[in-house]
Amino acid sequence: MAEYESLTVAELKDLLRERNLPVSGKKAELVARLQENDSSDVVEEVVEEVEDIEEDFEEEFEDDADDDFFDDEWDDFHVARQKPVLNDSITADIAVLNSQKKKQPAFRRQEWFRYRRLSKTGWRKPKGLQSSQRVNKKYRSPMARVGYRKIASVRGLHPSGFEEVMVHKPTDLDGIDPERQAVRIGARVGNRKRAQIHDRADDLGLRVLNRRRFQRKGDMQ
């Protein structure tokens, strides 16, 4: 600060003694020592103000905890997703399916460890006459075979247990059973038609598996 520069060395040392700080050194060192002390005091004041604000907020929150503070603001904050209505046999088959998935190895493309681009692509059956993976060498990744196929009764179901139904327009929702089937909107459906599908699915009590968040503008509201 400029006010410290205008003081004499004796006056600066008096200020340092009042703050229980060392008084040794040149005038520039004494001024720097006082400025550092001032900045630390400001930080302490800010920390104290923040702590006071947090304490006040906690007290107000505790006071409002027993009131109806969240009744009007947060009624629609969380909506539980629909669950399928499954019988005991389907539930047991889904448990078997999950256990089969855990035992299934990762099917990797031939030479996936050598080329990064191959490690990012999907499974391809090896075609080479002398391919080590095709002849099922132990040191190569396993190939996808018929023996890895899952239980047939729940094959193709969503992990939640729903049967997926692909839709592209609101009229495709007619006849869908909300207890067993769920909706998956086509990837090429625009936001305008997607908003209509969302609204109609909510009216019918259907679950949309790939529900997307987007801003509704104009007549989409």
C-alpha atoms as a PDB file:
ATOM      1  CA  MET A   1       0.000   0.000   0.000  1.00  0.00           C
ATOM      2  CA  ALA A   2       1.076   3.567  -0.666  1.00  0.00           C
ATOM      3  CA  GLU A   3       0.436   4.628   2.938  1.00  0.00           C
ATOM      4  CA  TYR A   4       3.248   2.362   4.178  1.00  0.00           C
ATOM      5  CA  GLU A   5       5.712   3.933   1.742  1.00  0.00           C
ATOM      6  CA  SER A   6       5.143   7.350   3.261  1.00  0.00           C
ATOM      7  CA  LEU A   7       5.993   6.180   6.804  1.00  0.00           C
ATOM      8  CA  THR A   8       9.427   6.196   8.322  1.00  0.00           C
ATOM      9  CA  VAL A   9      11.336   3.091   9.338  1.00  0.00           C
ATOM     10  CA  ALA A  10      10.647   3.759  13.009  1.00  0.00           C
ATOM     11  CA  GLU A  11       6.905   4.058  12.375  1.00  0.00           C
ATOM     12  CA  LEU A  12       6.923   0.880  10.339  1.00  0.00           C
ATOM     13  CA  LYS A  13       8.674  -0.985  13.132  1.00  0.00           C
ATOM     14  CA  ASP A  14       6.094   0.253  15.626  1.00  0.00           C
ATOM     15  CA  LEU A  15       3.344  -1.187  13.441  1.00  0.00           C
ATOM     16  CA  LEU A  16       5.206  -4.472  13.193  1.00  0.00           C
ATOM     17  CA  ARG A  17       5.604  -4.645  16.978  1.00  0.00           C
ATOM     18  CA  GLU A  18       1.871  -4.086  17.426  1.00  0.00           C
ATOM     19  CA  ARG A  19       1.199  -7.078  15.140  1.00  0.00           C
ATOM     20  CA  ASN A  20       3.903  -9.243  16.786  1.00  0.00           C
ATOM     21  CA  LEU A  21       5.908  -9.397  13.558  1.00  0.00           C
ATOM     22  CA  PRO A  22       9.727  -9.279  13.071  1.00  0.00           C
ATOM     23  CA  VAL A  23      11.198  -5.763  12.811  1.00  0.00           C
ATOM     24  CA  SER A  24      14.503  -6.650  11.131  1.00  0.00           C
ATOM     25  CA  GLY A  25      15.377  -5.753   7.561  1.00  0.00           C
ATOM     26  CA  LYS A  26      15.302  -2.803   5.206  1.00  0.00           C
ATOM     27  CA  LYS A  27      12.342  -0.491   4.648  1.00  0.00           C
ATOM     28  CA  ALA A  28      11.171  -2.392   1.545  1.00  0.00           C
ATOM     29  CA  GLU A  29      11.170  -5.623   3.544  1.00  0.00           C
ATOM     30  CA  LEU A  30       9.190  -4.015   6.365  1.00  0.00           C
ATOM     31  CA  VAL A  31       6.596  -2.682   3.904  1.00  0.00           C
ATOM     32  CA  ALA A  32       6.278  -6.065   2.195  1.00  0.00           C
ATOM     33  CA  ARG A  33       5.840  -7.758   5.585  1.00  0.00           C
ATOM     34  CA  LEU A  34       2.997  -5.404   6.502  1.00  0.00           C
ATOM     35  CA  GLN A  35       1.289  -5.876   3.136  1.00  0.00           C
ATOM     36  CA  GLU A  36       1.430  -9.671   3.480  1.00  0.00           C
ATOM     37  CA  ASN A  37      -0.121  -9.384   6.908  1.00  0.00           C
ATOM     38  CA  ASP A  38      -2.894  -7.200   5.525  1.00  0.00           C
ATOM     39  CA  SER A  39      -3.693  -9.703   2.762  1.00  0.00           C
ATOM     40  CA  SER A  40      -3.835 -12.575   5.255  1.00  0.00           C
ATOM     41  CA  ASP A  41      -6.239 -10.589   7.418  1.00  0.00           C
ATOM     42  CA  VAL A  42      -8.495 -10.022   4.400  1.00  0.00           C
ATOM     43  CA  VAL A  43      -8.532 -13.736   3.637  1.00  0.00           C
ATOM     44  CA  GLU A  44      -9.440 -14.552   7.228  1.00  0.00           C
ATOM     45  CA  GLU A  45     -12.283 -12.047   7.117  1.00  0.00           C
ATOM     46  CA  VAL A  46     -13.631 -13.569   3.899  1.00  0.00           C
ATOM     47  CA  VAL A  47     -13.450 -17.080   5.374  1.00  0.00           C
ATOM     48  CA  GLU A  48     -15.293 -15.932   8.461  1.00  0.00           C
ATOM     49  CA  GLU A  49     -18.006 -14.310   6.330  1.00  0.00           C
ATOM     50  CA  VAL A  50     -18.438 -17.494   4.292  1.00  0.00           C
ATOM     51  CA  GLU A  51     -18.709 -19.589   7.450  1.00  0.00           C
ATOM     52  CA  ASP A  52     -21.329 -17.211   8.842  1.00  0.00           C
ATOM     53  CA  ILE A  53     -23.349 -17.460   5.609  1.00  0.00           C
ATOM     54  CA  GLU A  54     -23.188 -21.271   5.682  1.00  0.00           C
ATOM     55  CA  GLU A  55     -24.341 -21.328   9.299  1.00  0.00           C
ATOM     56  CA  ASP A  56     -27.265 -19.025   8.514  1.00  0.00           C
ATOM     57  CA  PHE A  57     -28.235 -21.173   5.509  1.00  0.00           C
ATOM     58  CA  GLU A  58     -28.149 -24.374   7.572  1.00  0.00           C
ATOM     59  CA  GLU A  59     -30.327 -22.790  10.251  1.00  0.00           C
ATOM     60  CA  GLU A  60     -32.864 -21.621   7.661  1.00  0.00           C
ATOM     61  CA  PHE A  61     -32.865 -25.033   5.973  1.00  0.00           C
ATOM     62  CA  GLU A  62     -33.488 -26.780   9.293  1.00  0.00           C
ATOM     63  CA  ASP A  63     -36.346 -24.399  10.012  1.00  0.00           C
ATOM     64  CA  ASP A  64     -37.959 -25.130   6.646  1.00  0.00           C
ATOM     65  CA  ALA A  65     -37.344 -28.883   6.745  1.00  0.00           C
ATOM     66  CA  ASP A  66     -40.591 -29.542   8.593  1.00  0.00           C
ATOM     67  CA  ASP A  67     -42.620 -27.130   6.451  1.00  0.00           C
ATOM     68  CA  ASP A  68     -44.048 -27.633   2.980  1.00  0.00           C
ATOM     69  CA  PHE A  69     -40.995 -26.061   1.319  1.00  0.00           C
ATOM     70  CA  PHE A  70     -40.614 -28.779  -1.321  1.00  0.00           C
ATOM     71  CA  ASP A  71     -44.292 -29.499  -1.934  1.00  0.00           C
ATOM     72  CA  ASP A  72     -44.834 -27.010  -4.733  1.00  0.00           C
ATOM     73  CA  GLU A  73     -41.309 -26.737  -6.114  1.00  0.00           C
ATOM     74  CA  TRP A  74     -40.172 -30.334  -6.357  1.00  0.00           C
ATOM     75  CA  ASP A  75     -43.291 -32.427  -6.962  1.00  0.00           C
ATOM     76  CA  ASP A  76     -42.169 -33.344 -10.487  1.00  0.00           C
ATOM     77  CA  PHE A  77     -38.437 -33.385  -9.796  1.00  0.00           C
ATOM     78  CA  HIS A  78     -38.121 -37.180  -9.870  1.00  0.00           C
ATOM     79  CA  VAL A  79     -40.447 -39.604 -11.588  1.00  0.00           C
ATOM     80  CA  ALA A  80     -39.835 -43.321 -11.142  1.00  0.00           C
ATOM     81  CA  ARG A  81     -39.402 -45.233 -14.381  1.00  0.00           C
ATOM     82  CA  GLN A  82     -41.988 -47.767 -15.348  1.00  0.00           C
ATOM     83  CA  LYS A  83     -41.186 -51.378 -14.549  1.00  0.00           C
ATOM     84  CA  PRO A  84     -42.433 -54.360 -16.542  1.00  0.00           C
ATOM     85  CA  VAL A  85     -44.942 -56.787 -15.080  1.00  0.00           C
ATOM     86  CA  LEU A  86     -43.079 -60.112 -15.167  1.00  0.00           C
ATOM     87  CA  ASN A  87     -44.079 -63.552 -13.952  1.00  0.00           C
ATOM     88  CA  ASP A  88     -41.803 -65.770 -11.892  1.00  0.00           C
ATOM     89  CA  SER A  89     -40.533 -67.779 -14.852  1.00  0.00           C
ATOM     90  CA  ILE A  90     -39.461 -64.695 -16.839  1.00  0.00           C
ATOM     91  CA  THR A  91     -37.761 -63.245 -13.757  1.00  0.00           C
ATOM     92  CA  ALA A  92     -35.824 -66.479 -13.270  1.00  0.00           C
ATOM     93  CA  ASP A  93     -34.855 -66.578 -16.961  1.00  0.00           C
ATOM     94  CA  ILE A  94     -33.554 -62.992 -16.765  1.00  0.00           C
ATOM     95  CA  ALA A  95     -31.371 -64.022 -13.832  1.00  0.00           C
ATOM     96  CA  VAL A  96     -29.994 -66.891 -15.933  1.00  0.00           C
ATOM     97  CA  LEU A  97     -29.395 -64.481 -18.812  1.00  0.00           C
ATOM     98  CA  ASN A  98     -27.402 -62.130 -16.584  1.00  0.00           C
ATOM     99  CA  SER A  99     -25.254 -64.983 -15.332  1.00  0.00           C
ATOM    100  CA  GLN A 100     -24.591 -66.076 -18.924  1.00  0.00           C
ATOM    101  CA  LYS A 101     -23.525 -62.550 -19.874  1.00  0.00           C
ATOM    102  CA  LYS A 102     -21.001 -62.479 -17.030  1.00  0.00           C
ATOM    103  CA  LYS A 103     -19.396 -65.708 -18.255  1.00  0.00           C
ATOM    104  CA  GLN A 104     -19.201 -64.618 -21.897  1.00  0.00           C
ATOM    105  CA  PRO A 105     -15.704 -63.514 -22.973  1.00  0.00           C
ATOM    106  CA  ALA A 106     -14.998 -60.337 -24.886  1.00  0.00           C
ATOM    107  CA  PHE A 107     -15.028 -61.121 -28.605  1.00  0.00           C
ATOM    108  CA  ARG A 108     -12.232 -59.114 -30.190  1.00  0.00           C
ATOM    109  CA  ARG A 109     -11.324 -58.660 -33.805  1.00  0.00           C
ATOM    110  CA  GLN A 110      -8.283 -60.402 -35.231  1.00  0.00           C
ATOM    111  CA  GLU A 111      -5.048 -58.439 -34.625  1.00  0.00           C
ATOM    112  CA  TRP A 112      -6.890 -56.049 -32.285  1.00  0.00           C
ATOM    113  CA  PHE A 113      -3.792 -55.826 -30.071  1.00  0.00           C
ATOM    114  CA  ARG A 114      -1.595 -54.779 -32.995  1.00  0.00           C
ATOM    115  CA  TYR A 115      -3.653 -51.995 -34.574  1.00  0.00           C
ATOM    116  CA  ARG A 116      -5.578 -49.475 -32.524  1.00  0.00           C
ATOM    117  CA  ARG A 117      -8.252 -48.958 -35.178  1.00  0.00           C
ATOM    118  CA  LEU A 118      -9.133 -52.657 -34.987  1.00  0.00           C
ATOM    119  CA  SER A 119      -9.499 -52.536 -31.195  1.00  0.00           C
ATOM    120  CA  LYS A 120     -12.232 -49.904 -31.598  1.00  0.00           C
ATOM    121  CA  THR A 121     -14.288 -51.822 -34.147  1.00  0.00           C
ATOM    122  CA  GLY A 122     -16.781 -54.629 -33.655  1.00  0.00           C
ATOM    123  CA  TRP A 123     -16.406 -58.348 -34.096  1.00  0.00           C
ATOM    124  CA  ARG A 124     -15.397 -59.730 -37.493  1.00  0.00           C
ATOM    125  CA  LYS A 125     -15.012 -63.386 -38.265  1.00  0.00           C
ATOM    126  CA  PRO A 126     -11.396 -64.205 -39.241  1.00  0.00           C
ATOM    127  CA  LYS A 127     -11.044 -65.408 -42.830  1.00  0.00           C
ATOM    128  CA  GLY A 128      -7.328 -66.120 -43.207  1.00  0.00           C
ATOM    129  CA  LEU A 129      -6.285 -69.650 -44.139  1.00  0.00           C
ATOM    130  CA  GLN A 130      -3.446 -69.562 -41.604  1.00  0.00           C
ATOM    131  CA  SER A 131      -5.222 -67.367 -39.066  1.00  0.00           C
ATOM    132  CA  SER A 132      -4.384 -68.394 -35.516  1.00  0.00           C
ATOM    133  CA  GLN A 133      -7.726 -67.141 -34.269  1.00  0.00           C
ATOM    134  CA  ARG A 134      -9.671 -69.037 -36.948  1.00  0.00           C
ATOM    135  CA  VAL A 135      -8.035 -72.336 -36.019  1.00  0.00           C
ATOM    136  CA  ASN A 136      -8.765 -71.570 -32.341  1.00  0.00           C
ATOM    137  CA  LYS A 137      -5.252 -71.243 -30.958  1.00  0.00           C
ATOM    138  CA  LYS A 138      -5.230 -70.915 -27.171  1.00  0.00           C
ATOM    139  CA  TYR A 139      -3.181 -67.719 -27.166  1.00  0.00           C
ATOM    140  CA  ARG A 140      -5.737 -65.932 -29.410  1.00  0.00           C
ATOM    141  CA  SER A 141      -9.067 -64.381 -28.457  1.00  0.00           C
ATOM    142  CA  PRO A 142     -12.078 -66.735 -28.642  1.00  0.00           C
ATOM    143  CA  MET A 143     -14.425 -66.544 -31.599  1.00  0.00           C
ATOM    144  CA  ALA A 144     -18.181 -66.000 -31.429  1.00  0.00           C
ATOM    145  CA  ARG A 145     -19.786 -69.421 -31.673  1.00  0.00           C
ATOM    146  CA  VAL A 146     -23.209 -71.005 -31.326  1.00  0.00           C
ATOM    147  CA  GLY A 147     -22.396 -72.217 -27.820  1.00  0.00           C
ATOM    148  CA  TYR A 148     -22.348 -68.656 -26.484  1.00  0.00           C
ATOM    149  CA  ARG A 149     -25.980 -68.042 -27.428  1.00  0.00           C
ATOM    150  CA  LYS A 150     -28.239 -66.963 -24.543  1.00  0.00           C
ATOM    151  CA  ILE A 151     -31.444 -68.417 -23.162  1.00  0.00           C
ATOM    152  CA  ALA A 152     -34.156 -68.245 -25.811  1.00  0.00           C
ATOM    153  CA  SER A 153     -37.149 -67.237 -23.658  1.00  0.00           C
ATOM    154  CA  VAL A 154     -35.749 -63.770 -22.833  1.00  0.00           C
ATOM    155  CA  ARG A 155     -33.480 -63.271 -25.833  1.00  0.00           C
ATOM    156  CA  GLY A 156     -33.707 -59.778 -27.258  1.00  0.00           C
ATOM    157  CA  LEU A 157     -35.333 -58.185 -24.214  1.00  0.00           C
ATOM    158  CA  HIS A 158     -34.169 -54.908 -22.732  1.00  0.00           C
ATOM    159  CA  PRO A 159     -32.094 -55.370 -19.521  1.00  0.00           C
ATOM    160  CA  SER A 160     -35.080 -54.014 -17.570  1.00  0.00           C
ATOM    161  CA  GLY A 161     -37.253 -56.852 -18.924  1.00  0.00           C
ATOM    162  CA  PHE A 162     -39.253 -54.817 -21.444  1.00  0.00           C
ATOM    163  CA  GLU A 163     -39.826 -55.898 -25.019  1.00  0.00           C
ATOM    164  CA  GLU A 164     -38.585 -53.071 -27.238  1.00  0.00           C
ATOM    165  CA  VAL A 165     -40.908 -51.646 -29.899  1.00  0.00           C
ATOM    166  CA  MET A 166     -39.420 -49.317 -32.530  1.00  0.00           C
ATOM    167  CA  VAL A 167     -41.601 -46.282 -33.325  1.00  0.00           C
ATOM    168  CA  HIS A 168     -41.207 -43.414 -35.790  1.00  0.00           C
ATOM    169  CA  LYS A 169     -44.475 -41.485 -35.357  1.00  0.00           C
ATOM    170  CA  PRO A 170     -47.056 -40.969 -32.607  1.00  0.00           C
ATOM    171  CA  THR A 171     -49.566 -43.330 -34.230  1.00  0.00           C
ATOM    172  CA  ASP A 172     -47.106 -46.216 -33.813  1.00  0.00           C
ATOM    173  CA  LEU A 173     -47.822 -46.114 -30.078  1.00  0.00           C
ATOM    174  CA  ASP A 174     -51.318 -47.495 -30.549  1.00  0.00           C
ATOM    175  CA  GLY A 175     -51.685 -51.050 -29.323  1.00  0.00           C
ATOM    176  CA  ILE A 176     -48.485 -51.143 -27.241  1.00  0.00           C
ATOM    177  CA  ASP A 177     -48.858 -52.872 -23.873  1.00  0.00           C
ATOM    178  CA  PRO A 178     -47.313 -50.653 -21.131  1.00  0.00           C
ATOM    179  CA  GLU A 179     -46.887 -53.643 -18.827  1.00  0.00           C
ATOM    180  CA  ARG A 180     -44.699 -55.679 -21.178  1.00  0.00           C
ATOM    181  CA  GLN A 181     -43.472 -53.381 -23.943  1.00  0.00           C
ATOM    182  CA  ALA A 182     -41.392 -50.211 -24.030  1.00  0.00           C
ATOM    183  CA  VAL A 183     -40.808 -47.644 -26.772  1.00  0.00           C
ATOM    184  CA  ARG A 184     -37.585 -46.964 -28.628  1.00  0.00           C
ATOM    185  CA  ILE A 185     -37.713 -43.962 -30.962  1.00  0.00           C
ATOM    186  CA  GLY A 186     -35.938 -44.210 -34.301  1.00  0.00           C
ATOM    187  CA  ALA A 187     -32.627 -42.400 -34.591  1.00  0.00           C
ATOM    188  CA  ARG A 188     -33.752 -40.358 -37.620  1.00  0.00           C
ATOM    189  CA  VAL A 189     -36.856 -38.919 -35.919  1.00  0.00           C
ATOM    190  CA  GLY A 190     -36.698 -35.135 -35.528  1.00  0.00           C
ATOM    191  CA  ASN A 191     -37.289 -33.169 -32.348  1.00  0.00           C
ATOM    192  CA  ARG A 192     -40.741 -31.983 -33.391  1.00  0.00           C
ATOM    193  CA  LYS A 193     -42.114 -35.491 -33.896  1.00  0.00           C
ATOM    194  CA  ARG A 194     -40.052 -36.765 -30.969  1.00  0.00           C
ATOM    195  CA  ALA A 195     -41.799 -34.263 -28.668  1.00  0.00           C
ATOM    196  CA  GLN A 196     -45.178 -35.528 -29.879  1.00  0.00           C
ATOM    197  CA  ILE A 197     -44.118 -39.117 -29.196  1.00  0.00           C
ATOM    198  CA  HIS A 198     -42.926 -38.179 -25.693  1.00  0.00           C
ATOM    199  CA  ASP A 199     -46.222 -36.485 -24.854  1.00  0.00           C
ATOM    200  CA  ARG A 200     -48.370 -39.319 -26.196  1.00  0.00           C
ATOM    201  CA  ALA A 201     -46.206 -41.946 -24.460  1.00  0.00           C
ATOM    202  CA  ASP A 202     -46.651 -40.114 -21.153  1.00  0.00           C
ATOM    203  CA  ASP A 203     -50.420 -40.027 -21.687  1.00  0.00           C
ATOM    204  CA  LEU A 204     -50.487 -43.778 -22.395  1.00  0.00           C
ATOM    205  CA  GLY A 205     -48.121 -44.633 -19.541  1.00  0.00           C
ATOM    206  CA  LEU A 206     -45.422 -46.007 -21.848  1.00  0.00           C
ATOM    207  CA  ARG A 207     -41.726 -45.940 -21.081  1.00  0.00           C
ATOM    208  CA  VAL A 208     -39.411 -44.392 -23.668  1.00  0.00           C
ATOM    209  CA  LEU A 209     -36.060 -46.150 -23.461  1.00  0.00           C
ATOM    210  CA  ASN A 210     -34.084 -43.520 -25.373  1.00  0.00           C
ATOM    211  CA  ARG A 211     -35.791 -40.386 -24.095  1.00  0.00           C
ATOM    212  CA  ARG A 212     -33.789 -37.330 -25.132  1.00  0.00           C
ATOM    213  CA  ARG A 213     -33.624 -33.901 -23.529  1.00  0.00           C
ATOM    214  CA  PHE A 214     -34.081 -31.008 -25.928  1.00  0.00           C
ATOM    215  CA  GLN A 215     -35.376 -27.455 -25.748  1.00  0.00           C
ATOM    216  CA  ARG A 216     -38.949 -27.043 -26.913  1.00  0.00           C
ATOM    217  CA  LYS A 217     -39.502 -23.884 -28.928  1.00  0.00           C
ATOM    218  CA  GLY A 218     -42.530 -22.392 -30.619  1.00  0.00           C
ATOM    219  CA  ASP A 219     -45.365 -24.811 -31.273  1.00  0.00           C
ATOM    220  CA  MET A 220     -43.375 -27.687 -29.766  1.00  0.00           C
ATOM    221  CA  GLN A 221     -44.230 -26.453 -26.257  1.00  0.00           C
END
